[in-house]
Amino acid sequence: MSTPLRIALIGAGVMGRQHVQYIRQEAGIELVAIGDPFTSALADEYGIPAFADHRRMLEQVRPEAAIIANPNDRHVPTAIDCLEAGVATLLEKPLACSLEEARRLIEVQARTGVPLLVGHHRRHNPIVAETRRILASGALGRLVTVTGLWLARKDERYFDAAWRREPGAGVLLINLVHDLDLLRFLCGEIASVQALASHAARGFAVEDSAALLLQFENGALGTLSGSDATAAPWGWDQNAGENPAMFAQQPEQPCYLLAGTEGSLSVPQLKLWRYGEERGWHHPLLCRQGQPSPGSAMHNQLRHFIQVVRRECPPIIGAADAARTLALVEAARQAARERRPVTPQAL
């Protein structure tokens, strides 16, 4: 029998606890330590060592891999510590809080050659794979418009952690970064962003709501609206069945509408709308219902990470790819400040 892969967790908050659930379910891996400066409760629960300083943990435990799920502004320095120690890393999104930070991390990863996977977990959802297959089949023809929504109301206690109310957080970097990454993955690269952002609903230092206008390199136009202060059923987390423990589910509602010259698709339901023999607005569209299989994107991501650690495959999204998504967030923030279209920065 092969020796279990030894994994450490850095950051024992909401996302860290989710990662632990899947680690415990997966054969052939072992959670060996948790690094978190604020709590040892999760480590105590599983009877493993707890460290307030992750660097001390890396030195003493010497894990083969680490999952980083600490606050956003600690992502890059923590990931650099892991890579410099030769520890393969799964880094929760966002990759960084700025492109300058992201470039530092890209350089360190390239220099060390240590595997790094970025936690844009939606890419691992079977619904996403099926959506990509439908798009590649030509069933929609030429993609013309893309509509995306992430609208929810976060509980007030979510903001008890001060960092979620401060620069480095906000609905763009915490939530819409997922949607921007997925729209890139599904529909192609985004060439230009216009945006409006507001913190009027919650009054924090960072935005609680944003509306984006996107132009894709293939010519398609898109809109993406997001808010963490709305009573609404439209968003990947509510609609795709990925995280029912945290989000009340509304599986009948779509969060993405992809419209092309030959057909349209609602996601995650995978309802494909096309004309029959007669085409045009005087004739009815016919609907073919897909068979979405939600699966567990985060569990699939963990299994993929194990393969990445063992060098059996490259990461589905590495640092440079994730930086292109981060560049869209920065472009949106700049566009909102300057009230003009912005081209995402090149890496």
Protein backbone atom coordinates (compact mmCIF):
# COMPACT_ATOMS: atom_id res chain seq x y z
CA MET A 1 0.00 0.00 0.00
CA SER A 2 1.34 3.44 -0.94
CA THR A 3 2.07 6.02 1.73
CA PRO A 4 -0.74 8.59 2.16
CA LEU A 5 -0.13 12.05 0.74
CA ARG A 6 0.50 14.39 3.68
CA ILE A 7 -1.49 17.63 3.40
CA ALA A 8 -1.55 20.65 5.70
CA LEU A 9 -4.25 23.32 5.87
CA ILE A 10 -3.43 27.01 6.34
CA GLY A 11 -6.50 28.98 7.37
CA ALA A 12 -9.30 27.32 9.35
CA GLY A 13 -12.19 29.62 8.45
CA VAL A 14 -15.25 28.98 6.30
CA MET A 15 -13.38 27.70 3.25
CA GLY A 16 -10.76 25.86 5.26
CA ARG A 17 -13.43 23.82 7.01
CA GLN A 18 -14.95 22.88 3.67
CA HIS A 19 -11.60 21.63 2.43
CA VAL A 20 -11.20 19.50 5.56
CA GLN A 21 -14.53 17.76 4.88
CA TYR A 22 -13.32 16.60 1.48
CA ILE A 23 -9.85 15.66 2.70
CA ARG A 24 -11.47 13.38 5.27
CA GLN A 25 -13.55 11.70 2.54
CA GLU A 26 -10.67 11.02 0.16
CA ALA A 27 -8.61 7.85 0.45
CA GLY A 28 -4.86 8.03 0.10
CA ILE A 29 -4.35 11.43 1.73
CA GLU A 30 -3.87 12.52 5.32
CA LEU A 31 -4.44 15.88 7.00
CA VAL A 32 -1.34 16.29 9.17
CA ALA A 33 -1.51 19.84 10.59
CA ILE A 34 -3.42 23.11 10.57
CA GLY A 35 -1.88 26.56 10.63
CA ASP A 36 -4.11 29.41 11.82
CA PRO A 37 -3.12 32.31 14.09
CA PHE A 38 -6.60 32.69 15.55
CA THR A 39 -7.89 29.23 16.40
CA SER A 40 -6.79 25.67 17.11
CA ALA A 41 -10.34 24.32 17.48
CA LEU A 42 -10.41 22.53 14.12
CA ALA A 43 -7.04 20.88 14.74
CA ASP A 44 -8.18 19.82 18.21
CA GLU A 45 -11.33 18.32 16.68
CA TYR A 46 -9.25 16.03 14.46
CA GLY A 47 -6.42 15.41 16.90
CA ILE A 48 -3.65 16.92 14.78
CA PRO A 49 -1.07 19.62 15.58
CA ALA A 50 -2.07 23.28 15.40
CA PHE A 51 0.34 26.11 14.65
CA ALA A 52 -0.22 29.84 14.98
CA ASP A 53 2.63 30.42 12.50
CA HIS A 54 2.40 28.48 9.23
CA ARG A 55 6.16 28.86 8.66
CA ARG A 56 6.87 26.95 11.85
CA MET A 57 4.39 24.32 10.69
CA LEU A 58 6.19 23.94 7.36
CA GLU A 59 9.53 23.52 9.15
CA GLN A 60 8.36 21.03 11.77
CA VAL A 61 5.73 18.96 9.93
CA ARG A 62 7.21 19.11 6.42
CA PRO A 63 3.99 18.34 4.53
CA GLU A 64 4.09 17.34 0.89
CA ALA A 65 1.23 19.67 0.04
CA ALA A 66 -0.71 22.55 1.54
CA ILE A 67 -4.12 24.11 1.02
CA ILE A 68 -4.14 27.86 1.67
CA ALA A 69 -7.50 29.31 2.74
CA ASN A 70 -6.49 32.29 4.86
CA PRO A 71 -7.56 35.95 4.31
CA ASN A 72 -7.03 37.33 0.81
CA ASP A 73 -4.21 39.71 1.75
CA ARG A 74 -2.17 36.77 3.11
CA HIS A 75 -2.51 34.57 0.01
CA VAL A 76 0.67 35.60 -1.80
CA PRO A 77 3.15 35.70 1.12
CA THR A 78 1.82 32.39 2.43
CA ALA A 79 1.97 30.74 -0.99
CA ILE A 80 5.53 31.99 -1.49
CA ASP A 81 6.53 30.47 1.87
CA CYS A 82 5.06 27.13 0.77
CA LEU A 83 6.68 27.15 -2.67
CA GLU A 84 10.07 28.14 -1.25
CA ALA A 85 9.75 25.20 1.15
CA GLY A 86 9.06 22.84 -1.76
CA VAL A 87 5.43 22.28 -0.72
CA ALA A 88 2.91 21.84 -3.55
CA THR A 89 0.11 24.34 -3.06
CA LEU A 90 -3.62 24.69 -3.63
CA LEU A 91 -4.25 28.41 -3.18
CA GLU A 92 -7.81 29.59 -2.66
CA LYS A 93 -8.98 32.33 -4.96
CA PRO A 94 -8.27 35.13 -5.45
CA LEU A 95 -4.71 34.49 -6.50
CA ALA A 96 -3.70 37.87 -5.06
CA CYS A 97 -5.07 41.28 -4.17
CA SER A 98 -3.20 43.01 -7.00
CA LEU A 99 -1.46 42.14 -10.25
CA GLU A 100 1.83 43.33 -8.77
CA GLU A 101 1.50 40.67 -6.07
CA ALA A 102 0.42 38.10 -8.63
CA ARG A 103 3.52 38.71 -10.74
CA ARG A 104 5.71 38.08 -7.68
CA LEU A 105 3.99 34.76 -7.11
CA ILE A 106 4.24 33.76 -10.77
CA GLU A 107 7.99 34.44 -10.67
CA VAL A 108 8.51 32.35 -7.53
CA GLN A 109 6.49 29.45 -8.89
CA ALA A 110 8.42 29.52 -12.17
CA ARG A 111 11.75 29.65 -10.32
CA THR A 112 10.98 26.85 -7.86
CA GLY A 113 9.01 24.64 -10.23
CA VAL A 114 6.79 23.57 -7.31
CA PRO A 115 3.21 22.80 -8.45
CA LEU A 116 0.58 25.47 -7.76
CA LEU A 117 -3.16 25.08 -8.36
CA VAL A 118 -5.49 28.05 -7.86
CA GLY A 119 -8.86 27.32 -6.27
CA HIS A 120 -11.31 28.45 -8.93
CA HIS A 121 -13.24 25.30 -8.11
CA ARG A 122 -16.18 25.86 -10.47
CA ARG A 123 -13.98 24.76 -13.36
CA HIS A 124 -14.18 21.25 -11.88
CA ASN A 125 -17.99 21.05 -11.95
CA PRO A 126 -19.46 18.51 -14.43
CA ILE A 127 -22.03 21.15 -15.45
CA VAL A 128 -19.17 23.34 -16.67
CA ALA A 129 -17.68 20.48 -18.67
CA GLU A 130 -21.05 19.85 -20.33
CA THR A 131 -21.53 23.57 -21.06
CA ARG A 132 -18.15 23.68 -22.76
CA ARG A 133 -19.07 20.60 -24.80
CA ILE A 134 -22.33 22.21 -25.98
CA LEU A 135 -20.54 25.43 -26.93
CA ALA A 136 -17.83 23.53 -28.79
CA SER A 137 -20.47 21.52 -30.70
CA GLY A 138 -21.68 24.67 -32.45
CA ALA A 139 -25.23 24.29 -31.16
CA LEU A 140 -25.36 28.00 -30.30
CA GLY A 141 -23.73 29.14 -33.53
CA ARG A 142 -21.75 32.32 -33.05
CA LEU A 143 -21.94 33.53 -29.46
CA VAL A 144 -23.57 36.99 -29.39
CA THR A 145 -24.51 37.88 -25.79
CA VAL A 146 -23.69 36.59 -22.31
CA THR A 147 -25.66 37.43 -19.17
CA GLY A 148 -24.37 36.56 -15.70
CA LEU A 149 -25.79 37.09 -12.21
CA TRP A 150 -24.47 36.55 -8.69
CA LEU A 151 -27.01 38.02 -6.27
CA ALA A 152 -27.31 36.96 -2.63
CA ARG A 153 -27.65 38.33 0.87
CA LYS A 154 -24.79 37.44 3.17
CA ASP A 155 -25.61 37.15 6.86
CA GLU A 156 -24.40 40.03 9.01
CA ARG A 157 -22.18 37.69 11.01
CA TYR A 158 -20.24 36.93 7.82
CA PHE A 159 -18.74 40.40 8.21
CA ASP A 160 -17.64 39.86 11.81
CA ALA A 161 -14.22 39.11 10.30
CA ALA A 162 -12.90 42.63 9.80
CA TRP A 163 -10.96 41.83 6.62
CA ARG A 164 -14.23 41.18 4.77
CA ARG A 165 -15.19 44.84 5.25
CA GLU A 166 -11.86 46.27 4.11
CA PRO A 167 -9.78 46.68 0.94
CA GLY A 168 -8.78 43.25 -0.30
CA ALA A 169 -12.38 42.05 0.01
CA GLY A 170 -15.61 43.21 -1.66
CA VAL A 171 -18.05 41.43 -3.94
CA LEU A 172 -15.75 41.81 -6.96
CA LEU A 173 -12.73 40.05 -5.46
CA ILE A 174 -14.57 37.55 -3.25
CA ASN A 175 -17.51 36.57 -5.46
CA LEU A 176 -17.55 37.96 -9.00
CA VAL A 177 -13.96 36.81 -9.49
CA HIS A 178 -15.47 33.29 -9.72
CA ASP A 179 -17.95 34.38 -12.37
CA LEU A 180 -15.35 36.26 -14.38
CA ASP A 181 -13.11 33.19 -14.32
CA LEU A 182 -15.93 30.91 -15.41
CA LEU A 183 -17.07 33.25 -18.19
CA ARG A 184 -13.47 33.30 -19.46
CA PHE A 185 -13.33 29.52 -19.28
CA LEU A 186 -16.65 29.09 -21.10
CA CYS A 187 -16.82 32.00 -23.54
CA GLY A 188 -13.25 33.10 -24.19
CA GLU A 189 -11.00 35.95 -23.14
CA ILE A 190 -12.46 39.35 -22.27
CA ALA A 191 -10.97 42.32 -24.12
CA SER A 192 -12.66 45.26 -22.40
CA VAL A 193 -14.57 46.03 -19.19
CA GLN A 194 -16.89 48.85 -18.18
CA ALA A 195 -18.22 48.90 -14.62
CA LEU A 196 -20.14 50.64 -11.88
CA ALA A 197 -19.65 49.76 -8.21
CA SER A 198 -21.37 50.83 -5.01
CA HIS A 199 -21.08 50.34 -1.25
CA ALA A 200 -24.39 52.09 -0.53
CA ALA A 201 -26.22 49.00 0.73
CA ARG A 202 -23.75 48.09 3.51
CA GLY A 203 -21.61 51.21 3.83
CA PHE A 204 -18.30 49.35 4.12
CA ALA A 205 -15.01 50.56 2.67
CA VAL A 206 -15.39 48.10 -0.22
CA GLU A 207 -18.17 47.58 -2.74
CA ASP A 208 -21.16 45.39 -1.95
CA SER A 209 -22.60 45.65 -5.48
CA ALA A 210 -21.23 45.94 -9.01
CA ALA A 211 -22.49 45.90 -12.59
CA LEU A 212 -20.09 45.07 -15.43
CA LEU A 213 -20.30 45.38 -19.21
CA LEU A 214 -17.94 43.00 -20.98
CA GLN A 215 -16.63 42.76 -24.52
CA PHE A 216 -15.15 39.37 -25.41
CA GLU A 217 -12.30 38.95 -27.87
CA ASN A 218 -14.61 36.88 -30.10
CA GLY A 219 -16.98 39.86 -30.40
CA ALA A 220 -19.64 38.70 -27.95
CA LEU A 221 -21.02 41.23 -25.47
CA GLY A 222 -21.76 40.43 -21.84
CA THR A 223 -23.24 41.79 -18.65
CA LEU A 224 -22.43 40.61 -15.13
CA SER A 225 -24.26 41.90 -12.06
CA GLY A 226 -23.37 41.03 -8.49
CA SER A 227 -24.31 41.98 -4.95
CA ASP A 228 -23.96 40.47 -1.48
CA ALA A 229 -26.83 42.60 -0.12
CA THR A 230 -29.83 41.40 -2.16
CA ALA A 231 -32.69 39.00 -1.49
CA ALA A 232 -32.45 37.14 -4.79
CA PRO A 233 -32.30 33.55 -6.10
CA TRP A 234 -29.87 34.05 -8.99
CA GLY A 235 -26.28 32.95 -8.53
CA TRP A 236 -24.09 29.92 -9.13
CA ASP A 237 -24.00 29.01 -5.45
CA GLN A 238 -27.80 28.91 -5.19
CA ASN A 239 -28.46 27.38 -8.62
CA ALA A 240 -25.74 24.80 -9.32
CA GLY A 241 -26.05 22.59 -6.21
CA GLU A 242 -22.37 22.94 -5.31
CA ASN A 243 -22.69 24.12 -1.74
CA PRO A 244 -26.10 23.31 -0.21
CA ALA A 245 -24.71 23.44 3.33
CA MET A 246 -24.06 27.18 2.98
CA PHE A 247 -26.59 28.34 0.38
CA ALA A 248 -30.31 27.61 0.20
CA GLN A 249 -30.80 26.06 -3.22
CA GLN A 250 -32.89 27.41 -6.11
CA PRO A 251 -32.08 24.81 -8.79
CA GLU A 252 -34.83 25.95 -11.15
CA GLN A 253 -33.24 29.39 -11.61
CA PRO A 254 -30.46 30.19 -14.11
CA CYS A 255 -27.45 32.38 -13.38
CA TYR A 256 -25.96 32.47 -16.89
CA LEU A 257 -27.77 32.97 -20.21
CA LEU A 258 -25.64 32.35 -23.30
CA ALA A 259 -27.24 33.46 -26.58
CA GLY A 260 -25.95 32.75 -30.08
CA THR A 261 -27.02 32.98 -33.70
CA GLU A 262 -28.31 29.38 -33.75
CA GLY A 263 -29.40 28.77 -30.18
CA SER A 264 -29.29 29.78 -26.54
CA LEU A 265 -28.40 28.00 -23.32
CA SER A 266 -29.39 28.54 -19.70
CA VAL A 267 -26.81 27.49 -17.13
CA PRO A 268 -26.69 25.50 -14.89
CA GLN A 269 -29.97 23.91 -16.08
CA LEU A 270 -28.52 23.25 -19.55
CA LYS A 271 -31.77 24.14 -21.31
CA LEU A 272 -30.90 24.48 -25.00
CA TRP A 273 -33.25 26.62 -27.11
CA ARG A 274 -33.20 26.29 -30.92
CA TYR A 275 -35.61 26.73 -33.81
CA GLY A 276 -37.08 23.78 -35.65
CA GLU A 277 -37.38 23.79 -39.43
CA GLU A 278 -38.78 27.34 -39.49
CA ARG A 279 -36.69 30.13 -38.06
CA GLY A 280 -37.37 33.69 -36.95
CA TRP A 281 -39.27 35.46 -34.22
CA HIS A 282 -42.67 34.45 -35.59
CA HIS A 283 -41.87 30.79 -34.93
CA PRO A 284 -41.56 28.96 -31.62
CA LEU A 285 -38.25 27.95 -30.17
CA LEU A 286 -37.89 24.31 -29.15
CA CYS A 287 -36.30 23.45 -25.81
CA ARG A 288 -34.11 20.44 -25.16
CA GLN A 289 -33.48 19.81 -21.49
CA GLY A 290 -29.97 18.75 -20.59
CA GLN A 291 -29.17 16.44 -17.72
CA PRO A 292 -26.94 18.45 -15.40
CA SER A 293 -25.05 16.40 -12.86
CA PRO A 294 -23.87 18.81 -10.15
CA GLY A 295 -21.30 16.52 -8.56
CA SER A 296 -18.91 18.05 -6.07
CA ALA A 297 -16.67 20.63 -7.67
CA MET A 298 -14.51 21.03 -4.56
CA HIS A 299 -14.08 17.28 -4.18
CA ASN A 300 -13.17 17.02 -7.87
CA GLN A 301 -10.73 19.89 -7.32
CA LEU A 302 -9.08 18.02 -4.44
CA ARG A 303 -8.70 14.89 -6.57
CA HIS A 304 -7.19 17.00 -9.35
CA PHE A 305 -4.81 18.61 -6.83
CA ILE A 306 -3.60 15.18 -5.75
CA GLN A 307 -2.76 14.41 -9.38
CA VAL A 308 -1.00 17.78 -9.70
CA VAL A 309 1.07 17.12 -6.55
CA ARG A 310 2.07 13.73 -7.96
CA ARG A 311 2.95 15.39 -11.28
CA GLU A 312 0.45 13.26 -13.14
CA CYS A 313 -1.06 16.30 -14.89
CA PRO A 314 -0.66 20.09 -15.07
CA PRO A 315 -3.02 22.28 -13.02
CA ILE A 316 -6.28 23.14 -14.76
CA ILE A 317 -5.63 26.72 -13.60
CA GLY A 318 -2.19 27.86 -12.54
CA ALA A 319 -0.91 31.22 -11.39
CA ALA A 320 -0.63 32.89 -14.81
CA ASP A 321 -4.13 31.81 -15.83
CA ALA A 322 -5.61 32.98 -12.52
CA ALA A 323 -3.77 36.30 -12.91
CA ARG A 324 -5.71 36.93 -16.12
CA THR A 325 -8.92 36.63 -14.10
CA LEU A 326 -7.50 38.95 -11.45
CA ALA A 327 -6.64 41.44 -14.21
CA LEU A 328 -10.36 41.58 -15.02
CA VAL A 329 -11.20 42.47 -11.41
CA GLU A 330 -8.60 45.23 -11.45
CA ALA A 331 -9.94 46.45 -14.80
CA ALA A 332 -13.48 46.53 -13.37
CA ARG A 333 -12.38 48.55 -10.35
CA GLN A 334 -10.48 50.99 -12.53
CA ALA A 335 -13.44 51.29 -14.91
CA ALA A 336 -15.76 52.02 -11.98
CA ARG A 337 -13.42 54.73 -10.65
CA GLU A 338 -12.77 56.38 -13.99
CA ARG A 339 -16.17 55.77 -15.63
CA ARG A 340 -14.64 54.51 -18.87
CA PRO A 341 -13.91 51.22 -20.63
CA VAL A 342 -10.67 49.56 -19.49
CA THR A 343 -8.55 46.92 -21.21
CA PRO A 344 -7.24 44.31 -18.73
CA GLN A 345 -3.52 44.62 -18.10
CA ALA A 346 -1.23 42.21 -19.85
CA LEU A 347 0.88 39.95 -17.64
